[in-house]
Amino acid sequence: MWRVVLDNAVLTSALLNPHGPAARLLDYAYEGRLRVFASDRMLSLERRVLREPTLSSSHGLSAREVRAVVRDLPVLLCLVPDSVRGRPARGTMATELLECASSSHADFLVTSMNLSAHEVKQGGTQVVKADQLVRLVGHGM
C-alpha cells in the first residue's frame, strides 16, 4: 500500500468536490489502497479552512456536514508529529509538507505547489499531481 501526503489545497478539493481526482484519492484511502498522512498542523489548517462559511456554503455544505467531515478527518488520516513547531509561520507550509513526507516515508507527495525534485529529501518520495496518482493507482502499479 502506497503512503501518500496530500497538501491542504488537494485535501480541501477532495473534501469539497466529490467528483474530482483528489476525491478519488480519498476513495482509494477508504478502500485501503492508499494510506494518507498529515501532521497535526496540517489537520488544524484543514479544519479552519473547512469551517470558513463562504467556502462551505459555496459548495452546498451545511454546518452539520462540515462538522462531520472535520470530525472524521483524524480517522481517515494517519497523523505524524509536527515537525516545524517554533519556526516562523511564513513560508513553512512547503517545509511542513516535505517534513511530513519524510516522517511518514511517503511514496508520493500530492501537491499543487511547484516543488522541485531537489527540495524533496532523498528517500523515494515522488512529487505528483492528484490526477497522476489516480492514474497510477487505477493501473494497479
Protein backbone atom coordinates (compact mmCIF):
# COMPACT_ATOMS: atom_id res chain seq x y z
CA MET A 1 0.00 0.00 0.00
CA TRP A 2 1.39 3.37 -1.01
CA ARG A 3 1.98 6.05 1.59
CA VAL A 4 0.76 9.48 0.48
CA VAL A 5 0.82 13.07 1.74
CA LEU A 6 -1.77 15.46 0.29
CA ASP A 7 -1.20 19.19 0.51
CA ASN A 8 -4.05 21.20 2.03
CA ALA A 9 -5.28 22.52 -1.32
CA VAL A 10 -5.59 18.96 -2.64
CA LEU A 11 -7.24 17.73 0.56
CA THR A 12 -9.72 20.62 0.54
CA SER A 13 -10.53 19.93 -3.09
CA ALA A 14 -11.07 16.25 -2.30
CA LEU A 15 -13.46 17.03 0.52
CA LEU A 16 -15.47 19.67 -1.34
CA ASN A 17 -15.59 18.19 -4.85
CA PRO A 18 -16.55 14.51 -4.68
CA HIS A 19 -16.11 14.07 -8.44
CA GLY A 20 -12.52 15.25 -8.91
CA PRO A 21 -9.26 13.31 -8.94
CA ALA A 22 -8.35 14.42 -5.42
CA ALA A 23 -11.60 12.92 -4.12
CA ARG A 24 -10.75 9.68 -5.90
CA LEU A 25 -7.56 9.53 -3.83
CA LEU A 26 -9.64 9.68 -0.66
CA ASP A 27 -11.85 6.93 -2.08
CA TYR A 28 -8.71 4.83 -2.52
CA ALA A 29 -7.76 5.56 1.11
CA TYR A 30 -11.22 4.44 2.30
CA GLU A 31 -10.80 1.29 0.19
CA GLY A 32 -7.46 0.59 1.86
CA ARG A 33 -5.44 1.08 -1.32
CA LEU A 34 -3.56 4.15 0.00
CA ARG A 35 -2.54 5.44 3.41
CA VAL A 36 -2.82 9.22 3.67
CA PHE A 37 -0.60 11.05 6.16
CA ALA A 38 -0.78 14.55 7.64
CA SER A 39 0.66 16.43 10.57
CA ASP A 40 -1.39 17.94 13.38
CA ARG A 41 -0.61 21.37 11.96
CA MET A 42 -1.86 20.40 8.50
CA LEU A 43 -5.01 18.92 10.05
CA SER A 44 -5.61 22.08 12.09
CA LEU A 45 -5.29 24.23 8.98
CA GLU A 46 -7.75 21.98 7.13
CA ARG A 47 -10.27 22.32 9.94
CA ARG A 48 -10.04 26.12 9.79
CA VAL A 49 -10.43 26.15 6.01
CA LEU A 50 -13.44 23.85 6.03
CA ARG A 51 -15.15 25.89 8.74
CA GLU A 52 -14.92 29.05 6.61
CA PRO A 53 -18.62 29.83 5.99
CA THR A 54 -18.19 31.25 2.49
CA LEU A 55 -16.29 28.18 1.34
CA SER A 56 -18.66 25.60 2.78
CA SER A 57 -21.80 27.44 1.68
CA SER A 58 -20.48 27.87 -1.87
CA HIS A 59 -20.18 24.07 -2.01
CA GLY A 60 -23.61 23.50 -0.51
CA LEU A 61 -22.42 22.10 2.81
CA SER A 62 -24.41 22.69 5.96
CA ALA A 63 -22.70 23.41 9.27
CA ARG A 64 -23.61 19.87 10.36
CA GLU A 65 -21.95 18.35 7.28
CA VAL A 66 -18.81 20.42 7.86
CA ARG A 67 -18.67 19.27 11.50
CA ALA A 68 -19.00 15.63 10.36
CA VAL A 69 -16.17 15.99 7.84
CA VAL A 70 -13.94 17.74 10.37
CA ARG A 71 -14.73 15.09 12.99
CA ASP A 72 -13.85 12.25 10.62
CA LEU A 73 -10.55 13.65 9.33
CA PRO A 74 -8.37 12.12 12.08
CA VAL A 75 -9.92 8.73 11.31
CA LEU A 76 -9.04 8.92 7.63
CA LEU A 77 -5.58 10.46 8.03
CA CYS A 78 -2.58 8.88 9.69
CA LEU A 79 -1.01 11.59 11.84
CA VAL A 80 2.71 12.22 12.13
CA PRO A 81 4.20 14.57 14.72
CA ASP A 82 4.50 18.23 13.76
CA SER A 83 8.00 18.99 12.62
CA VAL A 84 8.18 22.76 12.32
CA ARG A 85 6.91 23.94 15.70
CA GLY A 86 8.57 27.10 16.81
CA ARG A 87 9.57 28.14 13.32
CA PRO A 88 8.18 31.33 11.84
CA ALA A 89 4.72 30.86 10.32
CA ARG A 90 5.55 32.44 6.96
CA GLY A 91 6.75 30.08 4.28
CA THR A 92 6.60 26.91 6.37
CA MET A 93 3.75 25.02 4.69
CA ALA A 94 6.08 23.68 1.99
CA THR A 95 8.53 22.73 4.72
CA GLU A 96 5.73 21.08 6.69
CA LEU A 97 4.70 19.06 3.64
CA LEU A 98 8.24 17.93 2.97
CA GLU A 99 8.81 17.03 6.62
CA CYS A 100 5.51 15.14 6.75
CA ALA A 101 6.51 13.22 3.62
CA SER A 102 9.88 12.42 5.17
CA SER A 103 8.48 11.42 8.58
CA SER A 104 5.84 9.18 7.04
CA HIS A 105 8.24 7.68 4.50
CA ALA A 106 5.72 8.70 1.85
CA ASP A 107 5.92 7.21 -1.60
CA PHE A 108 4.09 10.24 -3.03
CA LEU A 109 3.59 13.88 -2.14
CA VAL A 110 0.48 15.09 -3.95
CA THR A 111 0.64 18.83 -4.29
CA SER A 112 -0.42 21.72 -6.42
CA MET A 113 2.69 23.61 -5.29
CA ASN A 114 5.69 23.92 -7.54
CA LEU A 115 8.26 21.90 -5.64
CA SER A 116 11.37 20.80 -7.40
CA ALA A 117 12.68 17.28 -7.01
CA HIS A 118 15.76 18.51 -5.14
CA GLU A 119 13.51 20.04 -2.45
CA VAL A 120 12.20 16.59 -1.60
CA LYS A 121 14.63 14.74 0.62
CA GLN A 122 16.04 11.64 -0.95
CA GLY A 123 14.05 8.70 0.28
CA GLY A 124 11.94 7.74 -2.64
CA THR A 125 9.15 10.31 -2.32
CA GLN A 126 7.83 11.42 -5.69
CA VAL A 127 6.06 14.75 -6.17
CA VAL A 128 2.92 14.29 -8.30
CA LYS A 129 -0.41 15.90 -9.10
CA ALA A 130 -3.65 14.24 -7.98
CA ASP A 131 -4.64 13.08 -11.46
CA GLN A 132 -1.23 11.46 -11.97
CA LEU A 133 -1.56 9.38 -8.81
CA VAL A 134 -5.15 8.42 -9.68
CA ARG A 135 -3.87 7.01 -12.98
CA LEU A 136 -1.10 5.07 -11.22
CA VAL A 137 -3.41 3.57 -8.62
CA GLY A 138 -6.03 2.84 -11.27
CA HIS A 139 -3.49 0.86 -13.24
CA GLY A 140 -2.55 -1.14 -10.15
CA MET A 141 1.05 -0.04 -10.18
